């Protein structure tokens, strides 16, 4: 052994396994439920995700026609603060009911193509209501199985330092099961009921509108029939993945939820844009397989899209369920803000790229790094379009600002109401602004048809300027004695000079001249 480098000597030559049974404490249940999710609305995503898996399985078993979308009904009862989420998937067989619903982190779906595979999503509602009830029936069975989680008692036990039981004992204390006779042995369903939902902030968990808007973005629902690019996107994606489109009905509505995309959209208040085309791209795994497919909608890139449009950003989906929010890929853009100008999606196909437990991002590995590396050039190209559009709009705004100043000064000259010194100053301003306007028309960001329109405007202004130079004096002032005319001109010049609003000053002088008439 040296002073700087101690040598560790093993007492035994072989390592031995531990004999003690690991203790899984009660607090794990809190970590797997309410502490898992930053956004409370995630509980609806978790239950709809499980419904989508069940509906897909029901189609595979022939319980649902392949041509029919699976159905999910969500009922929000604001008065009793109860929410029910019911699907017509396979349901859970009586023999597997208890074992399936109290198995924590032991899902039979791991290793399959299912969206939920960690076995914790069903616990999402525990931290947000007083009672959580699961109710189900499998086809061919004559009983409906129910399981009730006493969430209020669960929270009390988690806080109670005197309760020294482990996770298993806690579950046994707060869970009860019940069975009732079924009227229809052919029925198959699974239902989640959240009773006495706790108020959070703006009470969004009880807002049908907010819930619907959230699920329109994250759930595997179809595009609206009147969205002109919807069928094209679904056809292209359908070649590579199972979209597993489901129909979600809110509060007994006759119309299901659709994705938020429409032909026209409001970028911001008063600014309307429309989609003009769609572009597709493939991402390779590096060994000849597809890691992801994606699409981006063409539009005018008028700036960051308002959050109310519910579709901004290059978003990511796995199993046609959105992962994270709209900003998952924003760091790939040359400027993060440009992500909010874009409308598009990346659908992950590589089963080695997995959403993390909270489903707000992906597990970090080399396959995700490969995906991001190949997406970066796409994000850079989108950034370039955003930048070009921004430059283009700035050029047009500059021309409009200069044009407005030229037109104002031309109007002042036509008034003939200012002194000769002020007229000379205004003429110089017009000449300067006409040069600026002409320079703007040569900007590379302009299209040829726009360039011609702006050049035509500049030429028109110049002709008006030349006519104004030949005849500037207003006829009312011309009739005045030279001394009075000079005095009035000085007063009008002072009004222009002292007024913060030149347009308002011109209007005032027009009114004065009208009265003098």
Protein backbone atom coordinates (compact mmCIF):
# COMPACT_ATOMS: atom_id res chain seq x y z
CA UNK A 1 0.00 0.00 0.00
CA UNK A 2 1.30 3.43 -0.92
CA UNK A 3 0.45 6.73 0.72
CA UNK A 4 -1.49 7.96 -2.30
CA UNK A 5 -2.89 4.74 -3.74
CA UNK A 6 -4.41 2.34 -1.16
CA UNK A 7 -4.95 -1.24 -2.33
CA UNK A 8 -8.32 -2.91 -1.63
CA UNK A 9 -8.04 -6.55 -0.64
CA UNK A 10 -11.11 -8.77 -1.06
CA UNK A 11 -11.93 -10.88 2.01
CA UNK A 12 -13.49 -13.60 -0.15
CA UNK A 13 -12.68 -14.51 -3.69
CA UNK A 14 -16.34 -14.68 -4.81
CA UNK A 15 -19.21 -12.19 -4.45
CA UNK A 16 -22.32 -13.50 -2.70
CA UNK A 17 -25.98 -12.57 -3.35
CA UNK A 18 -27.86 -10.84 -0.52
CA UNK A 19 -30.12 -13.00 1.60
CA UNK A 20 -32.44 -10.28 2.86
CA UNK A 21 -35.63 -9.47 0.96
CA UNK A 22 -35.58 -5.85 -0.38
CA UNK A 23 -38.09 -3.56 1.27
CA UNK A 24 -40.32 -1.54 -1.04
CA UNK A 25 -41.63 1.32 1.06
CA UNK A 26 -45.03 2.95 0.86
CA UNK A 27 -43.63 6.21 -0.55
CA UNK A 28 -42.97 4.49 -3.86
CA UNK A 29 -46.71 4.64 -4.52
CA UNK A 30 -46.70 8.43 -4.20
CA UNK A 31 -43.72 8.65 -6.57
CA UNK A 32 -45.53 6.47 -9.11
CA UNK A 33 -48.73 8.51 -9.04
CA UNK A 34 -49.06 12.25 -8.43
CA UNK A 35 -45.32 12.91 -8.23
CA UNK A 36 -44.78 11.46 -11.71
CA UNK A 37 -46.53 14.17 -13.69
CA UNK A 38 -45.80 17.87 -14.08
CA UNK A 39 -49.03 18.53 -15.99
CA UNK A 40 -52.16 17.20 -14.20
CA UNK A 41 -53.83 16.68 -17.59
CA UNK A 42 -51.34 13.86 -18.15
CA UNK A 43 -53.72 11.55 -16.28
CA UNK A 44 -56.12 11.72 -19.23
CA UNK A 45 -53.29 10.89 -21.62
CA UNK A 46 -52.38 7.84 -19.54
CA UNK A 47 -55.92 6.45 -19.48
CA UNK A 48 -56.53 7.15 -23.18
CA UNK A 49 -53.16 5.54 -23.98
CA UNK A 50 -54.20 2.36 -22.14
CA UNK A 51 -57.54 2.50 -23.95
CA UNK A 52 -55.78 2.74 -27.33
CA UNK A 53 -53.72 -0.38 -26.53
CA UNK A 54 -56.83 -2.27 -25.45
CA UNK A 55 -58.76 -1.21 -28.54
CA UNK A 56 -55.93 -2.31 -30.81
CA UNK A 57 -55.84 -5.68 -29.05
CA UNK A 58 -59.62 -6.00 -29.43
CA UNK A 59 -59.25 -5.53 -33.19
CA UNK A 60 -56.52 -8.16 -33.32
CA UNK A 61 -58.84 -10.61 -31.49
CA UNK A 62 -61.75 -9.83 -33.78
CA UNK A 63 -63.84 -8.23 -31.03
CA UNK A 64 -63.95 -5.00 -33.06
CA UNK A 65 -64.12 -4.79 -36.84
CA UNK A 66 -60.81 -3.65 -38.31
CA UNK A 67 -62.61 -1.03 -40.36
CA UNK A 68 -64.17 0.55 -37.27
CA UNK A 69 -62.28 2.93 -34.99
CA UNK A 70 -62.26 2.05 -31.34
CA UNK A 71 -64.39 4.24 -29.10
CA UNK A 72 -63.59 6.11 -25.89
CA UNK A 73 -66.28 8.01 -24.01
CA UNK A 74 -65.30 10.66 -21.48
CA UNK A 75 -67.96 12.08 -19.20
CA UNK A 76 -67.26 15.10 -17.00
CA UNK A 77 -69.85 15.74 -14.27
CA UNK A 78 -69.01 19.15 -12.85
CA UNK A 79 -71.67 19.07 -10.15
CA UNK A 80 -70.51 15.84 -8.51
CA UNK A 81 -66.88 16.31 -9.64
CA UNK A 82 -66.75 12.88 -11.25
CA UNK A 83 -65.02 11.91 -14.50
CA UNK A 84 -65.53 8.60 -16.30
CA UNK A 85 -63.33 7.27 -19.12
CA UNK A 86 -64.71 4.18 -20.85
CA UNK A 87 -63.45 2.22 -23.86
CA UNK A 88 -64.86 -0.77 -25.74
CA UNK A 89 -61.54 -2.62 -25.80
CA UNK A 90 -60.89 -6.15 -24.57
CA UNK A 91 -61.50 -5.43 -20.92
CA UNK A 92 -59.73 -7.59 -18.31
CA UNK A 93 -60.75 -11.17 -17.67
CA UNK A 94 -62.09 -11.96 -14.20
CA UNK A 95 -59.23 -14.34 -13.38
CA UNK A 96 -56.55 -11.73 -14.18
CA UNK A 97 -58.38 -8.66 -12.85
CA UNK A 98 -56.84 -8.25 -9.39
CA UNK A 99 -53.35 -9.39 -10.33
CA UNK A 100 -53.26 -7.05 -13.33
CA UNK A 101 -54.45 -3.93 -11.51
CA UNK A 102 -52.29 -4.25 -8.39
CA UNK A 103 -49.13 -5.21 -10.27
CA UNK A 104 -46.95 -2.11 -10.06
CA UNK A 105 -44.30 -1.74 -12.74
CA UNK A 106 -44.89 -5.29 -13.97
CA UNK A 107 -46.88 -4.79 -17.15
CA UNK A 108 -47.33 -7.77 -19.47
CA UNK A 109 -47.05 -5.27 -22.35
CA UNK A 110 -43.28 -4.69 -22.03
CA UNK A 111 -41.53 -5.96 -25.13
CA UNK A 112 -44.63 -5.53 -27.27
CA UNK A 113 -45.68 -2.68 -29.57
CA UNK A 114 -48.01 -1.36 -26.87
CA UNK A 115 -47.79 2.31 -25.93
CA UNK A 116 -47.97 1.77 -22.20
CA UNK A 117 -45.56 -0.88 -20.94
CA UNK A 118 -44.34 0.14 -17.47
CA UNK A 119 -47.49 -0.76 -15.54
CA UNK A 120 -47.82 2.53 -13.67
CA UNK A 121 -50.07 4.65 -15.92
CA UNK A 122 -53.26 3.37 -14.30
CA UNK A 123 -52.07 4.93 -11.02
CA UNK A 124 -52.03 8.42 -12.54
CA UNK A 125 -55.33 9.44 -10.99
CA UNK A 126 -54.47 8.48 -7.39
CA UNK A 127 -53.17 11.92 -6.48
CA UNK A 128 -56.05 13.85 -8.05
CA UNK A 129 -59.27 12.39 -6.59
CA UNK A 130 -60.72 10.94 -3.42
CA UNK A 131 -61.71 7.62 -4.99
CA UNK A 132 -60.35 5.85 -8.05
CA UNK A 133 -62.47 3.02 -9.44
CA UNK A 134 -61.64 0.53 -12.19
CA UNK A 135 -64.57 -1.30 -13.74
CA UNK A 136 -64.33 -3.93 -16.48
CA UNK A 137 -65.89 -6.87 -18.28
CA UNK A 138 -64.29 -9.25 -20.74
CA UNK A 139 -66.26 -10.73 -23.63
CA UNK A 140 -68.06 -13.96 -22.74
CA UNK A 141 -68.06 -13.31 -19.00
CA UNK A 142 -71.17 -12.76 -16.91
CA UNK A 143 -69.63 -10.54 -14.26
CA UNK A 144 -68.42 -6.97 -14.05
CA UNK A 145 -65.33 -6.63 -11.87
CA UNK A 146 -64.71 -3.45 -9.87
CA UNK A 147 -61.70 -2.25 -7.89
CA UNK A 148 -61.84 0.77 -5.61
CA UNK A 149 -58.77 2.70 -4.43
CA UNK A 150 -59.46 4.87 -1.38
CA UNK A 151 -57.22 7.79 -2.34
CA UNK A 152 -58.09 9.82 0.75
CA UNK A 153 -57.04 6.97 3.03
CA UNK A 154 -53.97 6.38 0.86
CA UNK A 155 -52.80 9.97 1.29
CA UNK A 156 -53.43 9.82 5.03
CA UNK A 157 -51.34 6.64 5.33
CA UNK A 158 -48.54 8.18 3.30
CA UNK A 159 -48.45 11.12 5.72
CA UNK A 160 -48.81 8.96 8.83
CA UNK A 161 -45.33 8.37 10.30
CA UNK A 162 -46.87 5.74 12.59
CA UNK A 163 -47.77 3.55 9.60
CA UNK A 164 -44.71 1.36 9.14
CA UNK A 165 -46.15 -1.03 6.58
CA UNK A 166 -44.53 -1.63 3.22
CA UNK A 167 -46.03 -1.10 -0.23
CA UNK A 168 -47.85 -4.43 -0.24
CA UNK A 169 -49.51 -3.76 3.11
CA UNK A 170 -50.51 -0.26 2.04
CA UNK A 171 -52.18 -1.52 -1.14
CA UNK A 172 -54.10 -4.13 0.84
CA UNK A 173 -55.29 -1.42 3.22
CA UNK A 174 -56.65 1.00 0.59
CA UNK A 175 -57.90 -1.35 -2.18
CA UNK A 176 -61.23 -3.17 -2.25
CA UNK A 177 -62.82 -5.28 -5.01
CA UNK A 178 -66.43 -5.99 -5.90
CA UNK A 179 -68.27 -7.99 -8.57
CA UNK A 180 -71.75 -7.59 -9.99
CA UNK A 181 -73.77 -9.54 -12.53
CA UNK A 182 -73.51 -8.37 -16.15
CA UNK A 183 -76.60 -7.95 -18.32
CA UNK A 184 -74.79 -8.65 -21.58
CA UNK A 185 -72.25 -11.48 -21.73
CA UNK A 186 -70.99 -10.26 -25.11
CA UNK A 187 -70.08 -6.82 -23.81
CA UNK A 188 -66.43 -5.90 -23.31
CA UNK A 189 -65.14 -2.66 -21.83
CA UNK A 190 -62.84 -0.98 -19.35
CA UNK A 191 -63.86 2.07 -17.36
CA UNK A 192 -61.94 4.42 -15.08
CA UNK A 193 -63.96 6.55 -12.67
CA UNK A 194 -62.38 9.39 -10.73
CA UNK A 195 -64.64 10.59 -7.90
CA UNK A 196 -64.45 13.94 -6.12
CA UNK A 197 -61.61 15.28 -8.21
CA UNK A 198 -59.44 17.73 -6.27
CA UNK A 199 -59.34 21.30 -7.57
CA UNK A 200 -55.99 22.26 -9.11
CA UNK A 201 -55.27 25.86 -10.05
CA UNK A 202 -57.76 26.80 -12.77
CA UNK A 203 -59.60 23.50 -12.17
CA UNK A 204 -58.59 22.25 -15.60
CA UNK A 205 -59.17 18.63 -14.63
CA UNK A 206 -62.92 19.41 -14.61
CA UNK A 207 -63.00 21.55 -17.76
CA UNK A 208 -64.40 19.61 -20.71
CA UNK A 209 -63.01 22.22 -23.11
CA UNK A 210 -59.46 22.06 -21.71
CA UNK A 211 -59.51 18.25 -21.56
CA UNK A 212 -60.74 18.03 -25.17
CA UNK A 213 -58.14 20.52 -26.40
CA UNK A 214 -55.39 18.57 -24.66
CA UNK A 215 -56.47 15.19 -26.05
CA UNK A 216 -56.88 16.63 -29.56
CA UNK A 217 -53.15 17.30 -29.44
CA UNK A 218 -51.73 14.23 -27.70
CA UNK A 219 -54.14 11.33 -28.38
CA UNK A 220 -54.28 9.13 -31.51
CA UNK A 221 -57.38 10.81 -32.91
CA UNK A 222 -57.82 11.34 -36.68
CA UNK A 223 -57.49 14.58 -38.61
CA UNK A 224 -60.68 16.49 -39.30
CA UNK A 225 -62.39 15.40 -42.56
CA UNK A 226 -62.30 18.99 -43.87
CA UNK A 227 -58.54 19.38 -43.34
CA UNK A 228 -57.26 19.06 -46.91
CA UNK A 229 -53.91 17.50 -46.02
CA UNK A 230 -55.21 15.10 -43.37
CA UNK A 231 -55.89 12.12 -45.63
CA UNK A 232 -52.52 12.55 -47.37
CA UNK A 233 -50.64 12.57 -44.04
CA UNK A 234 -52.55 9.56 -42.69
CA UNK A 235 -51.99 7.60 -45.90
CA UNK A 236 -48.24 8.30 -45.85
CA UNK A 237 -47.82 7.48 -42.16
CA UNK A 238 -50.07 4.43 -42.46
CA UNK A 239 -47.51 2.76 -44.72
CA UNK A 240 -45.06 2.57 -41.84
CA UNK A 241 -47.00 2.58 -38.56
CA UNK A 242 -50.32 1.63 -37.05
CA UNK A 243 -52.03 4.94 -36.40
CA UNK A 244 -54.55 3.15 -34.16
CA UNK A 245 -56.92 6.06 -34.62
CA UNK A 246 -59.65 6.09 -32.00
CA UNK A 247 -62.78 8.14 -31.62
CA UNK A 248 -63.09 10.08 -28.36
CA UNK A 249 -66.50 11.46 -27.47
CA UNK A 250 -66.86 14.11 -24.78
CA UNK A 251 -70.03 14.20 -22.65
CA UNK A 252 -72.15 12.25 -25.11
CA UNK A 253 -71.34 14.45 -28.08
CA UNK A 254 -72.39 13.09 -31.48
CA UNK A 255 -69.09 14.26 -33.03
CA UNK A 256 -65.73 12.79 -31.95
CA UNK A 257 -62.58 14.77 -31.29
CA UNK A 258 -60.30 15.54 -34.24
CA UNK A 259 -56.75 16.82 -34.45
CA UNK A 260 -56.65 20.65 -34.24
CA UNK A 261 -55.25 21.21 -37.75
CA UNK A 262 -57.43 23.19 -40.19
CA UNK A 263 -56.73 24.70 -43.62
CA UNK A 264 -56.58 28.21 -42.17
CA UNK A 265 -55.34 29.23 -38.74
CA UNK A 266 -54.77 32.35 -36.68
CA UNK A 267 -51.07 33.01 -36.17
CA UNK A 268 -51.90 35.76 -33.72
CA UNK A 269 -54.86 38.07 -33.23
CA UNK A 270 -55.80 39.50 -36.61
CA UNK A 271 -53.14 37.58 -38.59
CA UNK A 272 -54.60 34.67 -40.59
CA UNK A 273 -52.46 32.20 -42.53
CA UNK A 274 -53.21 28.99 -44.42
CA UNK A 275 -51.45 25.75 -45.21
CA UNK A 276 -50.37 25.41 -48.83
CA UNK A 277 -48.64 22.01 -48.88
CA UNK A 278 -47.09 19.19 -46.89
CA UNK A 279 -43.55 17.79 -46.99
CA UNK A 280 -42.49 14.36 -45.74
CA UNK A 281 -39.12 13.11 -44.55
CA UNK A 282 -37.61 9.80 -43.38
CA UNK A 283 -34.97 9.26 -40.71
CA UNK A 284 -32.72 6.19 -41.08
CA UNK A 285 -31.45 4.04 -38.20
CA UNK A 286 -28.08 3.63 -39.93
CA UNK A 287 -28.66 -0.03 -40.76
CA UNK A 288 -31.21 0.37 -43.54
CA UNK A 289 -34.31 0.63 -41.37
CA UNK A 290 -36.54 3.58 -40.57
CA UNK A 291 -35.99 5.28 -37.23
CA UNK A 292 -38.79 7.78 -37.81
CA UNK A 293 -41.03 9.40 -40.41
CA UNK A 294 -42.22 12.98 -40.29
CA UNK A 295 -44.14 15.73 -41.99
CA UNK A 296 -44.11 19.52 -42.04
CA UNK A 297 -46.88 21.80 -43.35
CA UNK A 298 -45.97 24.67 -45.67
CA UNK A 299 -47.34 28.11 -44.84
CA UNK A 300 -46.19 31.73 -44.83
CA UNK A 301 -44.20 31.65 -41.56
CA UNK A 302 -45.70 34.88 -40.26
CA UNK A 303 -44.18 34.44 -36.81
CA UNK A 304 -44.70 32.38 -33.67
CA UNK A 305 -48.08 30.64 -33.82
CA UNK A 306 -50.43 31.42 -30.97
CA UNK A 307 -50.74 28.64 -28.39
CA UNK A 308 -54.53 28.79 -28.87
CA UNK A 309 -54.06 27.18 -32.31
CA UNK A 310 -52.91 24.04 -30.41
CA UNK A 311 -50.53 22.85 -33.13
CA UNK A 312 -47.34 24.92 -33.02
CA UNK A 313 -43.95 23.25 -32.95
CA UNK A 314 -42.20 20.26 -34.46
CA UNK A 315 -43.72 17.66 -32.15
CA UNK A 316 -42.76 14.04 -31.48
CA UNK A 317 -45.06 11.03 -31.30
CA UNK A 318 -44.49 7.39 -30.41
CA UNK A 319 -47.26 4.93 -31.19
CA UNK A 320 -49.15 7.99 -32.48
CA UNK A 321 -49.23 9.38 -28.92
CA UNK A 322 -47.50 12.70 -28.38
CA UNK A 323 -44.39 12.62 -26.20
CA UNK A 324 -43.78 15.78 -24.17
CA UNK A 325 -45.00 19.20 -25.18
CA UNK A 326 -44.40 21.26 -28.32
CA UNK A 327 -40.83 22.19 -27.32
CA UNK A 328 -39.15 18.75 -27.21
CA UNK A 329 -37.07 19.51 -30.32
CA UNK A 330 -36.75 23.29 -30.09
CA UNK A 331 -33.04 23.12 -29.20
CA UNK A 332 -32.33 21.74 -32.71
CA UNK A 333 -33.35 25.02 -34.36
CA UNK A 334 -30.81 27.80 -34.99
CA UNK A 335 -33.02 29.92 -32.73
CA UNK A 336 -35.34 28.13 -30.30
CA UNK A 337 -38.14 30.59 -31.07
CA UNK A 338 -38.39 29.31 -34.66
CA UNK A 339 -39.81 26.01 -33.41
CA UNK A 340 -43.03 27.90 -32.55
CA UNK A 341 -43.30 29.06 -36.19
CA UNK A 342 -43.43 25.46 -37.45
CA UNK A 343 -46.26 22.92 -37.69
CA UNK A 344 -45.15 19.31 -38.05
CA UNK A 345 -44.54 15.96 -36.41
CA UNK A 346 -41.90 13.26 -36.06
CA UNK A 347 -43.26 9.73 -35.57
CA UNK A 348 -40.68 7.47 -33.91
CA UNK A 349 -40.53 3.91 -35.31
CA UNK A 350 -37.32 2.61 -33.76
CA UNK A 351 -38.39 0.51 -30.74
CA UNK A 352 -35.02 1.25 -29.13
CA UNK A 353 -36.12 4.86 -28.69
CA UNK A 354 -38.50 4.74 -25.75
CA UNK A 355 -40.49 7.47 -23.98
CA UNK A 356 -39.35 7.99 -20.41
CA UNK A 357 -41.56 7.20 -17.43
CA UNK A 358 -43.29 10.60 -17.39
CA UNK A 359 -43.58 10.51 -21.18
CA UNK A 360 -42.33 14.09 -21.32
CA UNK A 361 -39.20 13.07 -23.28
CA UNK A 362 -37.26 9.96 -24.28
CA UNK A 363 -34.75 7.74 -22.54
CA UNK A 364 -31.29 8.98 -23.44
CA UNK A 365 -29.29 6.57 -25.60
CA UNK A 366 -27.27 6.39 -28.79
CA UNK A 367 -30.37 5.71 -30.90
CA UNK A 368 -32.06 8.89 -29.71
CA UNK A 369 -28.82 10.77 -30.42
CA UNK A 370 -28.85 9.39 -33.98
CA UNK A 371 -32.43 10.56 -34.44
CA UNK A 372 -31.66 14.04 -33.17
CA UNK A 373 -28.52 14.30 -35.31
CA UNK A 374 -30.53 13.56 -38.45
CA UNK A 375 -33.33 15.89 -37.43
CA UNK A 376 -30.96 18.81 -36.91
CA UNK A 377 -30.49 19.61 -40.65
CA UNK A 378 -34.27 19.56 -41.06
CA UNK A 379 -34.67 21.98 -38.15
CA UNK A 380 -31.92 24.19 -39.60
CA UNK A 381 -33.69 24.30 -42.97
CA UNK A 382 -36.96 25.20 -41.25
CA UNK A 383 -35.08 27.90 -39.34
CA UNK A 384 -33.82 29.26 -42.65
CA UNK A 385 -37.38 29.51 -43.97
CA UNK A 386 -38.45 31.31 -40.81
CA UNK A 387 -35.53 33.72 -41.08
CA UNK A 388 -36.18 34.40 -44.78
CA UNK A 389 -39.84 35.05 -44.08
CA UNK A 390 -38.89 37.41 -41.25
CA UNK A 391 -36.47 39.30 -43.50
CA UNK A 392 -39.08 39.46 -46.25
CA UNK A 393 -41.71 40.92 -43.93
CA UNK A 394 -39.20 43.42 -42.53
CA UNK A 395 -38.38 44.62 -46.07
CA UNK A 396 -42.06 45.14 -46.83
CA UNK A 397 -42.59 46.91 -43.48
CA UNK A 398 -39.66 49.23 -44.19
CA UNK A 399 -41.07 50.08 -47.60
CA UNK A 400 -44.52 50.74 -46.13
CA UNK A 401 -43.03 53.01 -43.45
CA UNK A 402 -41.02 55.02 -45.99
CA UNK A 403 -44.00 55.16 -48.35
CA UNK A 404 -46.20 56.48 -45.57
CA UNK A 405 -43.73 59.27 -44.84
CA UNK A 406 -43.46 60.17 -48.54
CA UNK A 407 -47.24 60.33 -48.95
CA UNK A 408 -47.56 62.48 -45.84
CA UNK A 409 -44.93 64.96 -47.04
CA UNK A 410 -46.47 65.07 -50.51
CA UNK A 411 -49.76 65.96 -48.87
CA UNK A 412 -48.08 68.79 -46.92
CA UNK A 413 -46.60 70.18 -50.15
CA UNK A 414 -50.00 70.07 -51.83
CA UNK A 415 -51.44 72.05 -48.93
CA UNK A 416 -49.04 74.85 -49.73
CA UNK A 417 -49.54 76.02 -46.14
CA UNK A 418 -45.98 76.08 -44.78
CA UNK A 419 -43.19 78.60 -45.20
CA UNK A 420 -40.75 78.43 -48.09
CA UNK A 421 -37.99 77.27 -45.73
CA UNK A 422 -40.16 74.43 -44.45
CA UNK A 423 -41.09 73.46 -48.03
CA UNK A 424 -37.42 73.19 -48.95
CA UNK A 425 -36.81 70.96 -45.92
CA UNK A 426 -39.75 68.72 -46.84
CA UNK A 427 -38.55 68.37 -50.44
CA UNK A 428 -35.19 67.16 -49.19
CA UNK A 429 -36.92 64.62 -46.93
CA UNK A 430 -38.98 63.33 -49.87
CA UNK A 431 -35.90 62.99 -52.08
CA UNK A 432 -34.09 61.11 -49.32
CA UNK A 433 -37.04 58.78 -48.71
CA UNK A 434 -37.52 58.09 -52.43
CA UNK A 435 -33.88 56.97 -52.60
CA UNK A 436 -34.44 54.71 -49.58
CA UNK A 437 -37.59 53.28 -51.19
CA UNK A 438 -35.77 52.61 -54.46
CA UNK A 439 -33.01 50.81 -52.56
CA UNK A 440 -35.60 48.63 -50.81
CA UNK A 441 -37.03 47.50 -54.16
CA UNK A 442 -33.67 45.90 -54.99
CA UNK A 443 -33.61 43.65 -51.90
CA UNK A 444 -32.97 39.97 -52.69
CA UNK A 445 -35.77 38.83 -50.37
CA UNK A 446 -38.43 40.23 -52.72
CA UNK A 447 -40.11 38.13 -55.38
CA UNK A 448 -40.15 39.57 -58.89
CA UNK A 449 -43.86 40.37 -58.87
CA UNK A 450 -43.45 42.20 -55.55
CA UNK A 451 -40.43 44.08 -56.87
CA UNK A 452 -42.38 45.34 -59.87
CA UNK A 453 -45.26 46.47 -57.63
CA UNK A 454 -42.94 48.43 -55.35
CA UNK A 455 -41.06 50.01 -58.28
CA UNK A 456 -44.38 51.11 -59.74
CA UNK A 457 -45.28 52.75 -56.40
CA UNK A 458 -41.94 54.58 -56.23
CA UNK A 459 -42.39 55.91 -59.76
CA UNK A 460 -45.88 57.12 -58.90
CA UNK A 461 -44.59 58.95 -55.83
CA UNK A 462 -41.84 60.59 -57.89
CA UNK A 463 -44.34 61.87 -60.47
CA UNK A 464 -46.49 63.30 -57.67
CA UNK A 465 -43.42 64.94 -56.17
CA UNK A 466 -42.52 66.61 -59.46
CA UNK A 467 -46.08 67.92 -59.87
CA UNK A 468 -46.00 69.19 -56.30
CA UNK A 469 -42.81 71.14 -56.99
CA UNK A 470 -44.51 72.94 -59.87
CA UNK A 471 -47.67 73.86 -57.94
CA UNK A 472 -47.39 73.98 -54.15
CA UNK A 473 -49.30 77.08 -53.12
CA UNK A 474 -52.85 76.63 -51.83
CA UNK A 475 -55.32 78.94 -53.62
CA UNK A 476 -56.62 80.38 -50.34
CA UNK A 477 -53.12 81.45 -49.29
CA UNK A 478 -52.40 82.72 -52.80
CA UNK A 479 -55.21 85.25 -52.41
CA UNK A 480 -53.66 86.70 -49.25
CA UNK A 481 -51.38 89.68 -49.01
CA UNK A 482 -47.70 88.58 -48.99
CA UNK A 483 -47.25 89.65 -45.35
CA UNK A 484 -50.31 87.67 -44.17
CA UNK A 485 -49.35 84.69 -46.26
CA UNK A 486 -45.89 84.65 -44.69
CA UNK A 487 -47.36 84.90 -41.18
CA UNK A 488 -49.85 82.06 -41.75
CA UNK A 489 -47.10 79.93 -43.27
CA UNK A 490 -44.95 80.42 -40.18
CA UNK A 491 -47.85 79.46 -37.88
CA UNK A 492 -48.57 76.31 -39.90
CA UNK A 493 -44.87 75.43 -39.90
CA UNK A 494 -44.84 75.76 -36.09
CA UNK A 495 -47.86 73.43 -35.85
CA UNK A 496 -45.99 70.77 -37.82
CA UNK A 497 -42.83 71.35 -35.85
CA UNK A 498 -44.47 71.16 -32.40
CA UNK A 499 -46.95 68.35 -33.08
CA UNK A 500 -45.88 64.81 -32.10
CA UNK A 501 -48.34 63.45 -34.68
CA UNK A 502 -47.63 64.84 -38.14
CA UNK A 503 -50.71 63.24 -39.63
CA UNK A 504 -52.93 64.87 -37.00
CA UNK A 505 -51.17 68.21 -37.63
CA UNK A 506 -51.95 67.97 -41.34
CA UNK A 507 -55.59 67.17 -40.62
CA UNK A 508 -55.81 70.20 -38.30
CA UNK A 509 -54.36 72.54 -40.96
CA UNK A 510 -56.73 71.10 -43.58
CA UNK A 511 -59.62 72.04 -41.27
CA UNK A 512 -58.21 75.53 -40.72
CA UNK A 513 -57.90 76.07 -44.48
CA UNK A 514 -61.44 74.83 -44.98
CA UNK A 515 -62.70 77.37 -42.43
CA UNK A 516 -60.68 80.15 -44.08
CA UNK A 517 -62.35 79.32 -47.36
